Amino acid sequence: MKNVINISEINIIPVKPKDGLIGFASFVVDKKFYVGNVAIFSRLDGEGMRLVYPRKGQIDCFHPINKEVGLLIEQNVTEKFNTLLKRNEVQPIKNLE
């Protein structure tokens, strides 16, 4: 990636799994933008997780501008989520590749 994007202050709120939903995430992008209420779902194939960004009706509130940025955010959130799970001695979700 030409411009490095910094994802920091990642906070995870795990929830009791239901229909693939396993938690919510918030984070700060480049120390300039707070992003909250991002749903964390387990992937259907069981390999990793996917993020679902908030919408209001049919309008996206915010989302990554391209796949590369989306994967970077997913990797950072996955790492933080798995760290949290390991502390609680729960089986972590596999990292994205």
N, C-alpha and C. Protein backbone atom coordinates (compact mmCIF):
# COMPACT_ATOMS: atom_id res chain seq x y z
N MET A 1 0.84 -1.17 0.00
CA MET A 1 0.00 0.00 0.00
C MET A 1 0.89 1.23 0.00
N LYS A 2 0.60 2.20 -0.83
CA LYS A 2 1.41 3.39 -0.94
C LYS A 2 1.40 4.19 0.35
N ASN A 3 0.22 4.54 0.82
CA ASN A 3 0.08 5.28 2.06
C ASN A 3 -0.23 4.30 3.18
N VAL A 4 0.55 4.35 4.23
CA VAL A 4 0.32 3.45 5.35
C VAL A 4 -0.84 3.99 6.18
N ILE A 5 -1.76 3.11 6.51
CA ILE A 5 -2.90 3.48 7.33
C ILE A 5 -2.70 2.87 8.70
N ASN A 6 -2.87 3.68 9.73
CA ASN A 6 -2.68 3.23 11.10
C ASN A 6 -4.04 2.96 11.74
N ILE A 7 -4.25 1.72 12.17
CA ILE A 7 -5.46 1.34 12.88
C ILE A 7 -5.07 1.16 14.34
N SER A 8 -5.66 1.95 15.23
CA SER A 8 -5.27 1.88 16.65
C SER A 8 -6.51 1.89 17.54
N GLU A 9 -6.27 1.81 18.83
CA GLU A 9 -7.32 1.86 19.85
C GLU A 9 -8.48 0.92 19.52
N ILE A 10 -8.13 -0.31 19.14
CA ILE A 10 -9.15 -1.30 18.79
C ILE A 10 -9.80 -1.82 20.06
N ASN A 11 -11.10 -1.70 20.13
CA ASN A 11 -11.87 -2.23 21.25
C ASN A 11 -12.86 -3.26 20.71
N ILE A 12 -12.95 -4.37 21.44
CA ILE A 12 -13.83 -5.46 21.04
C ILE A 12 -14.84 -5.71 22.15
N ILE A 13 -16.08 -5.87 21.77
CA ILE A 13 -17.13 -6.26 22.71
C ILE A 13 -17.69 -7.58 22.22
N PRO A 14 -17.27 -8.70 22.83
CA PRO A 14 -17.79 -10.00 22.42
C PRO A 14 -19.26 -10.12 22.83
N VAL A 15 -20.03 -10.86 22.05
CA VAL A 15 -21.42 -11.15 22.39
C VAL A 15 -21.63 -12.65 22.31
N LYS A 16 -22.69 -13.11 22.93
CA LYS A 16 -23.04 -14.53 22.82
C LYS A 16 -23.32 -14.80 21.34
N PRO A 17 -22.61 -15.74 20.72
CA PRO A 17 -22.77 -15.99 19.29
C PRO A 17 -24.22 -16.29 18.89
N LYS A 18 -24.66 -15.61 17.83
CA LYS A 18 -26.00 -15.84 17.30
C LYS A 18 -25.99 -15.51 15.83
N ASP A 19 -26.37 -16.47 15.00
CA ASP A 19 -26.43 -16.30 13.55
C ASP A 19 -25.11 -15.78 12.99
N GLY A 20 -24.00 -16.20 13.58
CA GLY A 20 -22.68 -15.81 13.10
C GLY A 20 -22.12 -14.56 13.74
N LEU A 21 -22.97 -13.75 14.40
CA LEU A 21 -22.49 -12.54 15.07
C LEU A 21 -21.73 -12.95 16.32
N ILE A 22 -20.48 -12.47 16.45
CA ILE A 22 -19.67 -12.84 17.61
C ILE A 22 -19.19 -11.63 18.41
N GLY A 23 -19.42 -10.42 17.90
CA GLY A 23 -19.00 -9.25 18.65
C GLY A 23 -19.13 -7.96 17.86
N PHE A 24 -18.69 -6.89 18.50
CA PHE A 24 -18.66 -5.57 17.87
C PHE A 24 -17.28 -4.96 18.08
N ALA A 25 -16.85 -4.16 17.13
CA ALA A 25 -15.53 -3.53 17.21
C ALA A 25 -15.66 -2.03 17.02
N SER A 26 -14.69 -1.33 17.62
CA SER A 26 -14.49 0.09 17.34
C SER A 26 -13.00 0.29 17.22
N PHE A 27 -12.59 1.32 16.49
CA PHE A 27 -11.17 1.59 16.30
C PHE A 27 -10.99 3.01 15.80
N VAL A 28 -9.73 3.45 15.82
CA VAL A 28 -9.38 4.80 15.35
C VAL A 28 -8.50 4.64 14.11
N VAL A 29 -8.79 5.42 13.08
CA VAL A 29 -8.03 5.38 11.83
C VAL A 29 -7.13 6.63 11.77
N ASP A 30 -5.83 6.38 11.67
CA ASP A 30 -4.84 7.46 11.53
C ASP A 30 -4.94 8.54 12.60
N LYS A 31 -5.38 8.14 13.80
CA LYS A 31 -5.53 9.08 14.91
C LYS A 31 -6.40 10.28 14.54
N LYS A 32 -7.32 10.05 13.56
CA LYS A 32 -8.17 11.15 13.10
C LYS A 32 -9.65 10.82 13.11
N PHE A 33 -10.00 9.53 12.90
CA PHE A 33 -11.41 9.15 12.78
C PHE A 33 -11.72 7.98 13.70
N TYR A 34 -12.77 8.15 14.48
CA TYR A 34 -13.27 7.05 15.31
C TYR A 34 -14.31 6.29 14.48
N VAL A 35 -14.20 4.97 14.47
CA VAL A 35 -15.14 4.11 13.75
C VAL A 35 -15.73 3.16 14.79
N GLY A 36 -17.05 3.17 14.94
CA GLY A 36 -17.69 2.33 15.94
C GLY A 36 -18.82 1.51 15.37
N ASN A 37 -19.33 0.61 16.20
CA ASN A 37 -20.49 -0.22 15.85
C ASN A 37 -20.26 -1.11 14.63
N VAL A 38 -19.05 -1.61 14.48
CA VAL A 38 -18.73 -2.52 13.38
C VAL A 38 -19.00 -3.94 13.89
N ALA A 39 -19.93 -4.63 13.24
CA ALA A 39 -20.28 -5.99 13.65
C ALA A 39 -19.20 -6.97 13.20
N ILE A 40 -18.89 -7.93 14.07
CA ILE A 40 -17.93 -8.98 13.75
C ILE A 40 -18.70 -10.29 13.61
N PHE A 41 -18.60 -10.90 12.43
CA PHE A 41 -19.25 -12.18 12.15
C PHE A 41 -18.20 -13.22 11.85
N SER A 42 -18.44 -14.46 12.26
CA SER A 42 -17.57 -15.56 11.82
C SER A 42 -17.90 -15.83 10.36
N ARG A 43 -16.88 -16.20 9.59
CA ARG A 43 -17.10 -16.52 8.19
C ARG A 43 -17.84 -17.86 8.08
N LEU A 44 -18.62 -18.02 7.03
CA LEU A 44 -19.40 -19.25 6.86
C LEU A 44 -18.53 -20.49 6.79
N ASP A 45 -17.31 -20.35 6.21
CA ASP A 45 -16.43 -21.51 6.10
C ASP A 45 -15.64 -21.75 7.38
N GLY A 46 -15.84 -20.91 8.41
CA GLY A 46 -15.15 -21.09 9.68
C GLY A 46 -13.74 -20.55 9.70
N GLU A 47 -13.27 -20.00 8.60
CA GLU A 47 -11.91 -19.49 8.48
C GLU A 47 -11.91 -17.97 8.67
N GLY A 48 -11.67 -17.51 9.88
CA GLY A 48 -11.56 -16.08 10.12
C GLY A 48 -12.90 -15.43 10.40
N MET A 49 -12.91 -14.13 10.21
CA MET A 49 -14.11 -13.36 10.48
C MET A 49 -14.29 -12.31 9.41
N ARG A 50 -15.49 -11.75 9.38
CA ARG A 50 -15.76 -10.66 8.45
C ARG A 50 -16.39 -9.52 9.23
N LEU A 51 -16.19 -8.32 8.74
CA LEU A 51 -16.72 -7.14 9.40
C LEU A 51 -17.89 -6.60 8.59
N VAL A 52 -18.90 -6.15 9.29
CA VAL A 52 -20.06 -5.54 8.65
C VAL A 52 -20.19 -4.14 9.22
N TYR A 53 -20.10 -3.15 8.33
CA TYR A 53 -20.10 -1.75 8.73
C TYR A 53 -21.53 -1.23 8.84
N PRO A 54 -21.75 -0.25 9.73
CA PRO A 54 -23.10 0.26 9.97
C PRO A 54 -23.75 0.87 8.73
N ARG A 55 -25.06 0.73 8.69
CA ARG A 55 -25.89 1.33 7.62
C ARG A 55 -27.08 1.98 8.28
N LYS A 56 -27.59 2.98 7.65
CA LYS A 56 -28.85 3.59 8.09
C LYS A 56 -29.80 3.43 6.92
N GLY A 57 -30.71 2.49 7.06
CA GLY A 57 -31.57 2.14 5.94
C GLY A 57 -30.73 1.51 4.84
N GLN A 58 -30.78 2.06 3.65
CA GLN A 58 -30.01 1.55 2.52
C GLN A 58 -28.72 2.34 2.29
N ILE A 59 -28.37 3.23 3.22
CA ILE A 59 -27.21 4.11 3.05
C ILE A 59 -26.09 3.66 3.97
N ASP A 60 -24.90 3.44 3.40
CA ASP A 60 -23.73 3.11 4.20
C ASP A 60 -23.31 4.33 5.01
N CYS A 61 -23.11 4.13 6.32
CA CYS A 61 -22.61 5.23 7.16
C CYS A 61 -21.13 5.45 6.89
N PHE A 62 -20.38 4.37 6.80
CA PHE A 62 -18.97 4.40 6.43
C PHE A 62 -18.53 2.99 6.10
N HIS A 63 -17.46 2.87 5.33
CA HIS A 63 -16.90 1.57 4.97
C HIS A 63 -15.53 1.81 4.36
N PRO A 64 -14.68 0.78 4.30
CA PRO A 64 -13.36 0.93 3.67
C PRO A 64 -13.52 1.32 2.21
N ILE A 65 -12.61 2.14 1.73
CA ILE A 65 -12.71 2.66 0.37
C ILE A 65 -12.28 1.64 -0.68
N ASN A 66 -11.47 0.65 -0.26
CA ASN A 66 -11.07 -0.40 -1.20
C ASN A 66 -10.79 -1.70 -0.44
N LYS A 67 -10.59 -2.78 -1.18
CA LYS A 67 -10.39 -4.10 -0.58
C LYS A 67 -9.13 -4.15 0.29
N GLU A 68 -8.08 -3.49 -0.16
CA GLU A 68 -6.81 -3.48 0.56
C GLU A 68 -6.98 -2.89 1.97
N VAL A 69 -7.67 -1.79 2.07
CA VAL A 69 -7.91 -1.16 3.37
C VAL A 69 -8.84 -2.04 4.21
N GLY A 70 -9.85 -2.62 3.58
CA GLY A 70 -10.75 -3.51 4.29
C GLY A 70 -10.03 -4.70 4.90
N LEU A 71 -9.12 -5.30 4.15
CA LEU A 71 -8.35 -6.44 4.67
C LEU A 71 -7.42 -6.02 5.80
N LEU A 72 -6.82 -4.84 5.69
CA LEU A 72 -5.95 -4.33 6.75
C LEU A 72 -6.74 -4.18 8.05
N ILE A 73 -7.92 -3.61 7.96
CA ILE A 73 -8.76 -3.44 9.15
C ILE A 73 -9.17 -4.80 9.70
N GLU A 74 -9.60 -5.72 8.82
CA GLU A 74 -9.98 -7.06 9.27
C GLU A 74 -8.84 -7.76 9.98
N GLN A 75 -7.63 -7.66 9.45
CA GLN A 75 -6.48 -8.31 10.07
C GLN A 75 -6.20 -7.74 11.45
N ASN A 76 -6.27 -6.42 11.60
CA ASN A 76 -6.04 -5.79 12.90
C ASN A 76 -7.11 -6.17 13.90
N VAL A 77 -8.37 -6.16 13.49
CA VAL A 77 -9.47 -6.53 14.38
C VAL A 77 -9.38 -8.01 14.74
N THR A 78 -9.08 -8.87 13.78
CA THR A 78 -8.93 -10.31 14.05
C THR A 78 -7.84 -10.56 15.08
N GLU A 79 -6.71 -9.89 14.92
CA GLU A 79 -5.60 -10.06 15.86
C GLU A 79 -6.03 -9.66 17.28
N LYS A 80 -6.69 -8.53 17.40
CA LYS A 80 -7.14 -8.05 18.71
C LYS A 80 -8.20 -8.99 19.29
N PHE A 81 -9.13 -9.45 18.47
CA PHE A 81 -10.18 -10.37 18.91
C PHE A 81 -9.56 -11.67 19.43
N ASN A 82 -8.61 -12.22 18.67
CA ASN A 82 -7.98 -13.48 19.07
C ASN A 82 -7.17 -13.31 20.35
N THR A 83 -6.53 -12.16 20.54
CA THR A 83 -5.80 -11.89 21.78
C THR A 83 -6.77 -11.90 22.96
N LEU A 84 -7.91 -11.27 22.77
CA LEU A 84 -8.93 -11.25 23.81
C LEU A 84 -9.42 -12.66 24.12
N LEU A 85 -9.67 -13.44 23.09
CA LEU A 85 -10.14 -14.81 23.29
C LEU A 85 -9.10 -15.68 24.00
N LYS A 86 -7.84 -15.50 23.65
CA LYS A 86 -6.78 -16.30 24.27
C LYS A 86 -6.69 -16.01 25.77
N ARG A 87 -6.88 -14.77 26.15
CA ARG A 87 -6.84 -14.43 27.57
C ARG A 87 -7.95 -15.14 28.33
N ASN A 88 -9.06 -15.38 27.66
CA ASN A 88 -10.19 -16.07 28.28
C ASN A 88 -10.18 -17.56 28.01
N GLU A 89 -9.08 -18.04 27.42
CA GLU A 89 -8.88 -19.45 27.12
C GLU A 89 -10.00 -20.02 26.25
N VAL A 90 -10.39 -19.27 25.25
CA VAL A 90 -11.40 -19.70 24.29
C VAL A 90 -10.69 -19.95 22.97
N GLN A 91 -11.16 -20.90 22.19
CA GLN A 91 -10.53 -21.20 20.90
C GLN A 91 -10.58 -19.99 19.98
N PRO A 92 -9.42 -19.47 19.54
CA PRO A 92 -9.42 -18.30 18.65
C PRO A 92 -9.86 -18.64 17.23
N ILE A 93 -10.33 -17.62 16.53
CA ILE A 93 -10.69 -17.75 15.13
C ILE A 93 -9.42 -17.59 14.32
N LYS A 94 -9.26 -18.39 13.27
CA LYS A 94 -8.05 -18.35 12.46
C LYS A 94 -7.87 -17.01 11.79
N ASN A 95 -6.61 -16.56 11.69
CA ASN A 95 -6.31 -15.27 11.05
C ASN A 95 -6.57 -15.33 9.56
N LEU A 96 -6.83 -14.18 8.97
CA LEU A 96 -6.99 -14.06 7.53
C LEU A 96 -5.63 -14.17 6.86
N GLU A 97 -5.63 -14.62 5.65
CA GLU A 97 -4.35 -14.68 4.91
C GLU A 97 -4.39 -13.77 3.74
